[in-house]
Amino acid sequence: MSSTKKLKLEELGRIDVETFKETKKTPLVVVLDNVRSMHNVGAIFRTADAFLIEKVVLCGITPQPPHREIHKAALGATESVDWIYEKDIVEALQNLKKENFKIIGIEQTTSSEVITDYPINKEEKYALVLGNEVEGLSDEALSEYDTFLEIPQLGTKHSLNVSVCGGIVMWEFFKYLK
């Protein structure tokens, strides 16, 4: 019989919001381009908290905290993770470029490459952009991207849920940038 036991919350040693704010962040920004689901927004915040993401940029119709439905999935991560709202996605990406972020669109395109083949450089800062649940990334911003990455999928579905995709992509970059 195994002596393994699950850890209680107080045994996890998590930091508080104040300590989180002062902790060195992963040089990664997540941009939500017209993501409509409050559950997806909340889940992205919660994952961003887990990986010490620098900030989340909400664009277009993406709902903003505070909201009960976002909080249900975020569980307070909207308080720890820095975020801003920028209505226009093109302007948001241009502002990130001025801050020397590489702009990475998570989208299936004619020029996208598989995420596991992409060389992540610890010396770079990255902005990962996730698009609308139905339409994907906004067409008017396609020329702003440095590259497009996609997650390999071998089943019958052509896409993943936005928050699941965001979690996979944040983890892939966090592994190299932490």
N, C-alpha and C. Protein backbone atom coordinates (compact mmCIF):
# COMPACT_ATOMS: atom_id res chain seq x y z
N MET A 1 0.84 -1.19 0.00
CA MET A 1 0.00 0.00 0.00
C MET A 1 0.88 1.25 0.00
N SER A 2 0.52 2.22 -0.78
CA SER A 2 1.31 3.44 -0.94
C SER A 2 1.11 4.40 0.23
N SER A 3 2.17 5.16 0.55
CA SER A 3 2.07 6.17 1.60
C SER A 3 1.82 7.56 1.01
N THR A 4 1.53 7.63 -0.27
CA THR A 4 1.26 8.91 -0.94
C THR A 4 -0.04 9.49 -0.42
N LYS A 5 -0.02 10.81 -0.20
CA LYS A 5 -1.25 11.51 0.20
C LYS A 5 -1.35 12.81 -0.57
N LYS A 6 -2.57 13.26 -0.78
CA LYS A 6 -2.77 14.54 -1.45
C LYS A 6 -2.41 15.66 -0.48
N LEU A 7 -1.85 16.74 -1.03
CA LEU A 7 -1.49 17.89 -0.20
C LEU A 7 -2.72 18.74 0.08
N LYS A 8 -2.79 19.26 1.29
CA LYS A 8 -3.84 20.21 1.65
C LYS A 8 -3.44 21.58 1.12
N LEU A 9 -4.39 22.48 0.95
CA LEU A 9 -4.12 23.81 0.41
C LEU A 9 -3.00 24.52 1.17
N GLU A 10 -3.01 24.44 2.48
CA GLU A 10 -2.00 25.13 3.27
C GLU A 10 -0.61 24.50 3.13
N GLU A 11 -0.52 23.29 2.58
CA GLU A 11 0.76 22.63 2.37
C GLU A 11 1.38 22.97 1.00
N LEU A 12 0.63 23.65 0.14
CA LEU A 12 1.11 23.93 -1.21
C LEU A 12 2.12 25.07 -1.27
N GLY A 13 2.15 25.92 -0.26
CA GLY A 13 3.14 26.99 -0.20
C GLY A 13 2.97 28.05 -1.27
N ARG A 14 1.75 28.37 -1.63
CA ARG A 14 1.50 29.39 -2.66
C ARG A 14 1.77 30.78 -2.10
N ILE A 15 2.14 31.69 -3.02
CA ILE A 15 2.42 33.07 -2.62
C ILE A 15 1.12 33.88 -2.58
N ASP A 16 1.14 35.01 -1.88
CA ASP A 16 -0.04 35.87 -1.86
C ASP A 16 0.04 36.87 -3.02
N VAL A 17 -1.03 37.63 -3.23
CA VAL A 17 -1.12 38.56 -4.36
C VAL A 17 0.00 39.58 -4.31
N GLU A 18 0.30 40.12 -3.14
CA GLU A 18 1.35 41.13 -3.00
C GLU A 18 2.71 40.57 -3.42
N THR A 19 3.01 39.36 -2.98
CA THR A 19 4.27 38.71 -3.36
C THR A 19 4.30 38.42 -4.86
N PHE A 20 3.15 37.98 -5.40
CA PHE A 20 3.04 37.72 -6.84
C PHE A 20 3.40 38.98 -7.63
N LYS A 21 2.85 40.13 -7.21
CA LYS A 21 3.08 41.39 -7.92
C LYS A 21 4.57 41.74 -7.94
N GLU A 22 5.31 41.37 -6.88
CA GLU A 22 6.73 41.71 -6.76
C GLU A 22 7.66 40.67 -7.38
N THR A 23 7.12 39.50 -7.73
CA THR A 23 7.92 38.41 -8.27
C THR A 23 8.28 38.66 -9.73
N LYS A 24 9.51 38.30 -10.11
CA LYS A 24 9.95 38.43 -11.51
C LYS A 24 9.03 37.58 -12.38
N LYS A 25 8.54 38.18 -13.46
CA LYS A 25 7.57 37.52 -14.33
C LYS A 25 8.23 36.82 -15.52
N THR A 26 7.52 35.88 -16.06
CA THR A 26 7.90 35.24 -17.32
C THR A 26 7.71 36.29 -18.42
N PRO A 27 8.70 36.48 -19.31
CA PRO A 27 8.59 37.52 -20.35
C PRO A 27 7.59 37.12 -21.45
N LEU A 28 6.35 37.03 -21.02
CA LEU A 28 5.29 36.53 -21.88
C LEU A 28 4.02 37.33 -21.61
N VAL A 29 3.37 37.78 -22.68
CA VAL A 29 2.09 38.47 -22.59
C VAL A 29 1.09 37.63 -23.36
N VAL A 30 -0.12 37.51 -22.86
CA VAL A 30 -1.19 36.81 -23.58
C VAL A 30 -2.21 37.84 -24.01
N VAL A 31 -2.53 37.84 -25.31
CA VAL A 31 -3.49 38.77 -25.88
C VAL A 31 -4.73 37.98 -26.29
N LEU A 32 -5.90 38.44 -25.84
CA LEU A 32 -7.16 37.81 -26.22
C LEU A 32 -7.86 38.71 -27.24
N ASP A 33 -7.97 38.22 -28.45
CA ASP A 33 -8.52 38.95 -29.58
C ASP A 33 -9.97 38.53 -29.80
N ASN A 34 -10.91 39.34 -29.27
CA ASN A 34 -12.34 39.07 -29.44
C ASN A 34 -12.78 37.71 -28.90
N VAL A 35 -12.18 37.29 -27.79
CA VAL A 35 -12.63 36.06 -27.13
C VAL A 35 -13.93 36.40 -26.41
N ARG A 36 -15.00 35.70 -26.71
CA ARG A 36 -16.31 36.11 -26.19
C ARG A 36 -16.71 35.43 -24.88
N SER A 37 -16.18 34.25 -24.61
CA SER A 37 -16.60 33.49 -23.44
C SER A 37 -15.93 33.96 -22.15
N MET A 38 -16.74 34.32 -21.17
CA MET A 38 -16.18 34.75 -19.88
C MET A 38 -15.46 33.59 -19.20
N HIS A 39 -15.92 32.36 -19.42
CA HIS A 39 -15.23 31.20 -18.86
C HIS A 39 -13.82 31.10 -19.44
N ASN A 40 -13.69 31.28 -20.75
CA ASN A 40 -12.36 31.23 -21.38
C ASN A 40 -11.46 32.34 -20.84
N VAL A 41 -12.00 33.53 -20.68
CA VAL A 41 -11.22 34.65 -20.14
C VAL A 41 -10.73 34.33 -18.73
N GLY A 42 -11.63 33.85 -17.88
CA GLY A 42 -11.26 33.50 -16.51
C GLY A 42 -10.21 32.40 -16.45
N ALA A 43 -10.38 31.38 -17.30
CA ALA A 43 -9.43 30.27 -17.32
C ALA A 43 -8.04 30.73 -17.79
N ILE A 44 -8.00 31.65 -18.75
CA ILE A 44 -6.72 32.20 -19.21
C ILE A 44 -6.04 32.94 -18.07
N PHE A 45 -6.79 33.74 -17.31
CA PHE A 45 -6.21 34.45 -16.16
C PHE A 45 -5.65 33.46 -15.15
N ARG A 46 -6.37 32.41 -14.88
CA ARG A 46 -5.92 31.43 -13.88
C ARG A 46 -4.63 30.75 -14.32
N THR A 47 -4.54 30.41 -15.61
CA THR A 47 -3.32 29.81 -16.13
C THR A 47 -2.18 30.82 -16.15
N ALA A 48 -2.48 32.07 -16.50
CA ALA A 48 -1.46 33.13 -16.49
C ALA A 48 -0.89 33.31 -15.09
N ASP A 49 -1.72 33.20 -14.08
CA ASP A 49 -1.26 33.27 -12.69
C ASP A 49 -0.30 32.11 -12.40
N ALA A 50 -0.66 30.91 -12.82
CA ALA A 50 0.15 29.72 -12.54
C ALA A 50 1.56 29.84 -13.11
N PHE A 51 1.69 30.48 -14.29
CA PHE A 51 2.98 30.55 -14.97
C PHE A 51 3.64 31.93 -14.88
N LEU A 52 3.18 32.77 -13.95
CA LEU A 52 3.76 34.10 -13.72
C LEU A 52 3.85 34.94 -15.01
N ILE A 53 2.77 34.92 -15.78
CA ILE A 53 2.73 35.67 -17.04
C ILE A 53 2.73 37.16 -16.73
N GLU A 54 3.47 37.93 -17.53
CA GLU A 54 3.64 39.37 -17.32
C GLU A 54 2.31 40.13 -17.30
N LYS A 55 1.47 39.90 -18.32
CA LYS A 55 0.15 40.54 -18.33
C LYS A 55 -0.73 39.91 -19.39
N VAL A 56 -2.02 40.21 -19.27
CA VAL A 56 -3.02 39.79 -20.24
C VAL A 56 -3.57 41.06 -20.87
N VAL A 57 -3.69 41.06 -22.20
CA VAL A 57 -4.26 42.19 -22.93
C VAL A 57 -5.59 41.72 -23.51
N LEU A 58 -6.66 42.41 -23.14
CA LEU A 58 -8.00 42.08 -23.61
C LEU A 58 -8.37 43.04 -24.72
N CYS A 59 -8.81 42.50 -25.87
CA CYS A 59 -9.11 43.35 -27.03
C CYS A 59 -10.51 43.09 -27.58
N GLY A 60 -11.04 44.13 -28.22
CA GLY A 60 -12.32 44.00 -28.91
C GLY A 60 -13.47 43.68 -27.97
N ILE A 61 -14.22 42.62 -28.29
CA ILE A 61 -15.40 42.24 -27.50
C ILE A 61 -15.06 41.40 -26.27
N THR A 62 -13.78 41.13 -26.06
CA THR A 62 -13.38 40.31 -24.91
C THR A 62 -13.88 40.95 -23.62
N PRO A 63 -14.65 40.20 -22.81
CA PRO A 63 -15.17 40.76 -21.55
C PRO A 63 -14.03 41.05 -20.57
N GLN A 64 -14.28 42.07 -19.74
CA GLN A 64 -13.28 42.51 -18.77
C GLN A 64 -13.74 42.26 -17.34
N PRO A 65 -12.79 41.95 -16.46
CA PRO A 65 -13.14 41.87 -15.03
C PRO A 65 -13.48 43.27 -14.52
N PRO A 66 -14.17 43.41 -13.43
CA PRO A 66 -14.72 42.31 -12.64
C PRO A 66 -16.05 41.83 -13.22
N HIS A 67 -16.24 40.54 -13.20
CA HIS A 67 -17.51 39.95 -13.59
C HIS A 67 -17.62 38.58 -12.92
N ARG A 68 -18.79 38.27 -12.43
CA ARG A 68 -19.02 37.03 -11.70
C ARG A 68 -18.62 35.80 -12.53
N GLU A 69 -18.96 35.80 -13.82
CA GLU A 69 -18.68 34.64 -14.67
C GLU A 69 -17.18 34.49 -14.93
N ILE A 70 -16.45 35.58 -15.05
CA ILE A 70 -14.99 35.50 -15.20
C ILE A 70 -14.38 34.99 -13.91
N HIS A 71 -14.86 35.52 -12.79
CA HIS A 71 -14.33 35.14 -11.47
C HIS A 71 -14.49 33.65 -11.20
N LYS A 72 -15.60 33.05 -11.67
CA LYS A 72 -15.85 31.62 -11.43
C LYS A 72 -14.69 30.76 -11.93
N ALA A 73 -14.13 31.12 -13.07
CA ALA A 73 -13.01 30.34 -13.62
C ALA A 73 -11.66 30.87 -13.15
N ALA A 74 -11.56 32.18 -12.95
CA ALA A 74 -10.28 32.80 -12.58
C ALA A 74 -9.92 32.57 -11.11
N LEU A 75 -10.92 32.44 -10.26
CA LEU A 75 -10.71 32.24 -8.83
C LEU A 75 -9.73 33.25 -8.22
N GLY A 76 -9.89 34.53 -8.59
CA GLY A 76 -9.07 35.58 -8.00
C GLY A 76 -7.84 35.97 -8.81
N ALA A 77 -7.55 35.24 -9.90
CA ALA A 77 -6.35 35.53 -10.68
C ALA A 77 -6.43 36.89 -11.39
N THR A 78 -7.62 37.46 -11.53
CA THR A 78 -7.73 38.80 -12.12
C THR A 78 -7.17 39.85 -11.17
N GLU A 79 -6.98 39.49 -9.91
CA GLU A 79 -6.38 40.40 -8.93
C GLU A 79 -4.85 40.29 -8.94
N SER A 80 -4.32 39.12 -9.26
CA SER A 80 -2.86 38.94 -9.24
C SER A 80 -2.21 39.27 -10.58
N VAL A 81 -2.81 38.86 -11.67
CA VAL A 81 -2.23 39.06 -13.00
C VAL A 81 -2.57 40.45 -13.51
N ASP A 82 -1.56 41.20 -13.94
CA ASP A 82 -1.80 42.52 -14.54
C ASP A 82 -2.55 42.35 -15.85
N TRP A 83 -3.44 43.27 -16.14
CA TRP A 83 -4.16 43.23 -17.41
C TRP A 83 -4.55 44.64 -17.84
N ILE A 84 -4.73 44.78 -19.14
CA ILE A 84 -5.22 46.03 -19.70
C ILE A 84 -6.26 45.70 -20.77
N TYR A 85 -7.06 46.70 -21.10
CA TYR A 85 -8.00 46.56 -22.21
C TYR A 85 -7.59 47.54 -23.30
N GLU A 86 -7.47 47.03 -24.52
CA GLU A 86 -7.24 47.87 -25.70
C GLU A 86 -8.27 47.45 -26.74
N LYS A 87 -9.14 48.37 -27.09
CA LYS A 87 -10.24 48.05 -28.01
C LYS A 87 -9.74 47.49 -29.34
N ASP A 88 -8.71 48.13 -29.92
CA ASP A 88 -8.26 47.79 -31.26
C ASP A 88 -7.09 46.80 -31.23
N ILE A 89 -7.26 45.64 -31.83
CA ILE A 89 -6.22 44.60 -31.82
C ILE A 89 -4.96 45.05 -32.56
N VAL A 90 -5.11 45.76 -33.67
CA VAL A 90 -3.93 46.21 -34.43
C VAL A 90 -3.10 47.15 -33.57
N GLU A 91 -3.75 48.10 -32.93
CA GLU A 91 -3.05 49.04 -32.05
C GLU A 91 -2.38 48.31 -30.88
N ALA A 92 -3.06 47.34 -30.32
CA ALA A 92 -2.50 46.57 -29.20
C ALA A 92 -1.22 45.85 -29.63
N LEU A 93 -1.24 45.23 -30.81
CA LEU A 93 -0.06 44.50 -31.29
C LEU A 93 1.07 45.46 -31.65
N GLN A 94 0.74 46.59 -32.23
CA GLN A 94 1.77 47.59 -32.55
C GLN A 94 2.43 48.12 -31.27
N ASN A 95 1.64 48.32 -30.22
CA ASN A 95 2.20 48.77 -28.94
C ASN A 95 3.15 47.72 -28.35
N LEU A 96 2.79 46.44 -28.46
CA LEU A 96 3.66 45.38 -27.96
C LEU A 96 4.95 45.29 -28.79
N LYS A 97 4.85 45.52 -30.10
CA LYS A 97 6.05 45.53 -30.95
C LYS A 97 7.00 46.64 -30.51
N LYS A 98 6.45 47.80 -30.15
CA LYS A 98 7.28 48.92 -29.68
C LYS A 98 8.01 48.55 -28.39
N GLU A 99 7.45 47.62 -27.62
CA GLU A 99 8.08 47.13 -26.39
C GLU A 99 8.97 45.92 -26.67
N ASN A 100 9.25 45.65 -27.95
CA ASN A 100 10.13 44.57 -28.39
C ASN A 100 9.61 43.15 -28.13
N PHE A 101 8.29 43.00 -28.16
CA PHE A 101 7.71 41.66 -28.07
C PHE A 101 7.63 41.07 -29.47
N LYS A 102 7.96 39.78 -29.59
CA LYS A 102 7.69 39.04 -30.82
C LYS A 102 6.21 38.68 -30.77
N ILE A 103 5.48 38.94 -31.84
CA ILE A 103 4.04 38.72 -31.87
C ILE A 103 3.75 37.36 -32.51
N ILE A 104 3.21 36.45 -31.71
CA ILE A 104 2.97 35.08 -32.13
C ILE A 104 1.46 34.82 -32.17
N GLY A 105 0.94 34.57 -33.36
CA GLY A 105 -0.48 34.23 -33.51
C GLY A 105 -0.67 32.74 -33.38
N ILE A 106 -1.60 32.34 -32.55
CA ILE A 106 -1.92 30.92 -32.41
C ILE A 106 -3.09 30.66 -33.34
N GLU A 107 -2.76 30.15 -34.52
CA GLU A 107 -3.77 30.02 -35.58
C GLU A 107 -3.27 29.06 -36.65
N GLN A 108 -4.20 28.37 -37.26
CA GLN A 108 -3.88 27.51 -38.39
C GLN A 108 -3.92 28.38 -39.65
N THR A 109 -2.74 28.60 -40.25
CA THR A 109 -2.64 29.43 -41.45
C THR A 109 -1.80 28.69 -42.49
N THR A 110 -1.70 29.29 -43.67
CA THR A 110 -0.87 28.70 -44.72
C THR A 110 0.61 28.74 -44.36
N SER A 111 0.99 29.58 -43.38
CA SER A 111 2.40 29.68 -43.01
C SER A 111 2.67 29.29 -41.56
N SER A 112 1.69 28.71 -40.88
CA SER A 112 1.94 28.36 -39.47
C SER A 112 2.85 27.15 -39.36
N GLU A 113 3.58 27.13 -38.24
CA GLU A 113 4.43 25.97 -37.96
C GLU A 113 3.96 25.31 -36.67
N VAL A 114 4.32 24.07 -36.51
CA VAL A 114 3.95 23.31 -35.32
C VAL A 114 4.70 23.89 -34.13
N ILE A 115 3.99 24.12 -33.04
CA ILE A 115 4.57 24.80 -31.87
C ILE A 115 5.82 24.10 -31.35
N THR A 116 5.85 22.78 -31.39
CA THR A 116 7.01 22.05 -30.86
C THR A 116 8.25 22.19 -31.75
N ASP A 117 8.08 22.69 -32.98
CA ASP A 117 9.22 22.92 -33.87
C ASP A 117 9.75 24.35 -33.78
N TYR A 118 9.04 25.21 -33.06
CA TYR A 118 9.42 26.62 -33.00
C TYR A 118 10.54 26.82 -31.98
N PRO A 119 11.65 27.47 -32.39
CA PRO A 119 12.77 27.69 -31.46
C PRO A 119 12.49 28.87 -30.51
N ILE A 120 12.18 28.59 -29.27
CA ILE A 120 11.90 29.62 -28.27
C ILE A 120 13.23 30.10 -27.69
N ASN A 121 13.46 31.40 -27.76
CA ASN A 121 14.72 32.00 -27.35
C ASN A 121 14.55 32.71 -26.00
N LYS A 122 15.33 32.31 -25.01
CA LYS A 122 15.24 32.91 -23.67
C LYS A 122 15.54 34.40 -23.65
N GLU A 123 16.19 34.90 -24.68
CA GLU A 123 16.54 36.32 -24.74
C GLU A 123 15.41 37.18 -25.32
N GLU A 124 14.36 36.56 -25.79
CA GLU A 124 13.24 37.27 -26.42
C GLU A 124 12.06 37.42 -25.46
N LYS A 125 11.19 38.39 -25.79
CA LYS A 125 9.91 38.54 -25.10
C LYS A 125 8.83 38.19 -26.13
N TYR A 126 7.81 37.48 -25.69
CA TYR A 126 6.80 36.99 -26.61
C TYR A 126 5.40 37.45 -26.20
N ALA A 127 4.58 37.75 -27.21
CA ALA A 127 3.16 38.00 -27.01
C ALA A 127 2.41 36.91 -27.78
N LEU A 128 1.65 36.11 -27.05
CA LEU A 128 0.88 35.02 -27.65
C LEU A 128 -0.56 35.51 -27.83
N VAL A 129 -1.06 35.45 -29.05
CA VAL A 129 -2.39 35.98 -29.34
C VAL A 129 -3.35 34.84 -29.64
N LEU A 130 -4.43 34.80 -28.87
CA LEU A 130 -5.49 33.81 -29.03
C LEU A 130 -6.72 34.50 -29.57
N GLY A 131 -7.38 33.90 -30.55
CA GLY A 131 -8.50 34.54 -31.22
C GLY A 131 -9.86 34.06 -30.77
N ASN A 132 -10.85 34.60 -31.43
CA ASN A 132 -12.26 34.30 -31.18
C ASN A 132 -12.55 32.81 -31.34
N GLU A 133 -13.48 32.32 -30.54
CA GLU A 133 -13.83 30.91 -30.52
C GLU A 133 -14.31 30.37 -31.87
N VAL A 134 -14.90 31.21 -32.71
CA VAL A 134 -15.42 30.77 -34.01
C VAL A 134 -14.57 31.30 -35.16
N GLU A 135 -14.24 32.58 -35.13
CA GLU A 135 -13.56 33.24 -36.25
C GLU A 135 -12.04 33.19 -36.17
N GLY A 136 -11.48 32.86 -35.01
CA GLY A 136 -10.02 32.87 -34.86
C GLY A 136 -9.48 34.29 -34.75
N LEU A 137 -8.25 34.50 -35.19
CA LEU A 137 -7.62 35.81 -35.13
C LEU A 137 -8.28 36.78 -36.11
N SER A 138 -8.33 38.05 -35.74
CA SER A 138 -8.93 39.07 -36.60
C SER A 138 -8.12 39.25 -37.89
N ASP A 139 -8.81 39.22 -39.03
CA ASP A 139 -8.16 39.36 -40.33
C ASP A 139 -7.36 40.65 -40.45
N GLU A 140 -7.90 41.75 -39.89
CA GLU A 140 -7.24 43.06 -40.07
C GLU A 140 -5.88 43.14 -39.38
N ALA A 141 -5.56 42.19 -38.50
CA ALA A 141 -4.29 42.23 -37.78
C ALA A 141 -3.27 41.21 -38.30
N LEU A 142 -3.63 40.40 -39.29
CA LEU A 142 -2.74 39.32 -39.73
C LEU A 142 -1.35 39.79 -40.14
N SER A 143 -1.24 40.99 -40.68
CA SER A 143 0.07 41.49 -41.12
C SER A 143 0.97 41.90 -39.95
N GLU A 144 0.42 41.98 -38.74
CA GLU A 144 1.19 42.41 -37.56
C GLU A 144 2.00 41.27 -36.91
N TYR A 145 1.76 40.04 -37.32
CA TYR A 145 2.37 38.90 -36.65
C TYR A 145 3.77 38.59 -37.17
N ASP A 146 4.65 38.19 -36.24
CA ASP A 146 5.98 37.73 -36.63
C ASP A 146 5.92 36.29 -37.11
N THR A 147 5.03 35.51 -36.53
CA THR A 147 4.87 34.11 -36.95
C THR A 147 3.54 33.59 -36.42
N PHE A 148 3.14 32.44 -36.97
CA PHE A 148 1.93 31.76 -36.52
C PHE A 148 2.31 30.35 -36.10
N LEU A 149 1.77 29.93 -34.97
CA LEU A 149 2.03 28.58 -34.46
C LEU A 149 0.71 27.85 -34.32
N GLU A 150 0.78 26.54 -34.47
CA GLU A 150 -0.40 25.71 -34.23
C GLU A 150 -0.03 24.49 -33.41
N ILE A 151 -1.00 23.98 -32.70
CA ILE A 151 -0.82 22.78 -31.88
C ILE A 151 -1.24 21.59 -32.72
N PRO A 152 -0.39 20.56 -32.82
CA PRO A 152 -0.78 19.40 -33.63
C PRO A 152 -2.01 18.71 -33.04
N GLN A 153 -2.94 18.33 -33.91
CA GLN A 153 -4.15 17.63 -33.49
C GLN A 153 -4.38 16.46 -34.43
N LEU A 154 -4.62 15.31 -33.86
CA LEU A 154 -4.69 14.09 -34.67
C LEU A 154 -6.09 13.48 -34.72
N GLY A 155 -7.03 14.08 -34.00
CA GLY A 155 -8.39 13.54 -33.96
C GLY A 155 -9.27 14.13 -35.03
N THR A 156 -10.58 14.08 -34.79
CA THR A 156 -11.56 14.51 -35.79
C THR A 156 -11.87 16.00 -35.73
N LYS A 157 -11.58 16.66 -34.63
CA LYS A 157 -11.90 18.08 -34.47
C LYS A 157 -10.80 18.95 -35.04
N HIS A 158 -11.17 20.13 -35.55
CA HIS A 158 -10.19 21.00 -36.20
C HIS A 158 -9.60 22.05 -35.26
N SER A 159 -10.11 22.14 -34.03
CA SER A 159 -9.57 23.14 -33.11
C SER A 159 -9.78 22.71 -31.67
N LEU A 160 -9.08 23.42 -30.77
CA LEU A 160 -9.22 23.21 -29.33
C LEU A 160 -9.98 24.38 -28.72
N ASN A 161 -10.55 24.19 -27.56
CA ASN A 161 -11.14 25.29 -26.81
C ASN A 161 -10.06 26.34 -26.57
N VAL A 162 -10.42 27.62 -26.61
CA VAL A 162 -9.45 28.71 -26.46
C VAL A 162 -8.65 28.59 -25.16
N SER A 163 -9.32 28.31 -24.05
CA SER A 163 -8.58 28.25 -22.78
C SER A 163 -7.67 27.03 -22.71
N VAL A 164 -8.06 25.93 -23.33
CA VAL A 164 -7.20 24.74 -23.37
C VAL A 164 -5.98 25.04 -24.25
N CYS A 165 -6.21 25.63 -25.41
CA CYS A 165 -5.13 26.03 -26.30
C CYS A 165 -4.18 26.99 -25.58
N GLY A 166 -4.75 27.98 -24.90
CA GLY A 166 -3.94 28.95 -24.16
C GLY A 166 -3.06 28.28 -23.12
N GLY A 167 -3.62 27.32 -22.41
CA GLY A 167 -2.85 26.59 -21.40
C GLY A 167 -1.68 25.83 -22.00
N ILE A 168 -1.92 25.16 -23.11
CA ILE A 168 -0.87 24.40 -23.77
C ILE A 168 0.24 25.34 -24.26
N VAL A 169 -0.15 26.43 -24.89
CA VAL A 169 0.83 27.37 -25.45
C VAL A 169 1.62 28.07 -24.35
N MET A 170 0.93 28.51 -23.28
CA MET A 170 1.65 29.15 -22.17
C MET A 170 2.65 28.18 -21.56
N TRP A 171 2.26 26.93 -21.38
CA TRP A 171 3.17 25.93 -20.81
C TRP A 171 4.37 25.72 -21.72
N GLU A 172 4.13 25.60 -23.02
CA GLU A 172 5.23 25.35 -23.97
C GLU A 172 6.27 26.48 -23.89
N PHE A 173 5.80 27.72 -23.81
CA PHE A 173 6.74 28.85 -23.72
C PHE A 173 7.36 28.96 -22.32
N PHE A 174 6.56 28.73 -21.29
CA PHE A 174 7.06 28.81 -19.91
C PHE A 174 8.22 27.84 -19.69
N LYS A 175 8.13 26.64 -20.24
CA LYS A 175 9.19 25.64 -20.06
C LYS A 175 10.55 26.18 -20.45
N TYR A 176 10.60 27.03 -21.49
CA TYR A 176 11.87 27.55 -21.98
C TYR A 176 12.22 28.91 -21.38
N LEU A 177 11.23 29.67 -20.96
CA LEU A 177 11.47 31.04 -20.51
C LEU A 177 11.61 31.20 -19.00
N LYS A 178 11.20 30.21 -18.23
CA LYS A 178 11.20 30.34 -16.76
C LYS A 178 12.58 30.55 -16.19
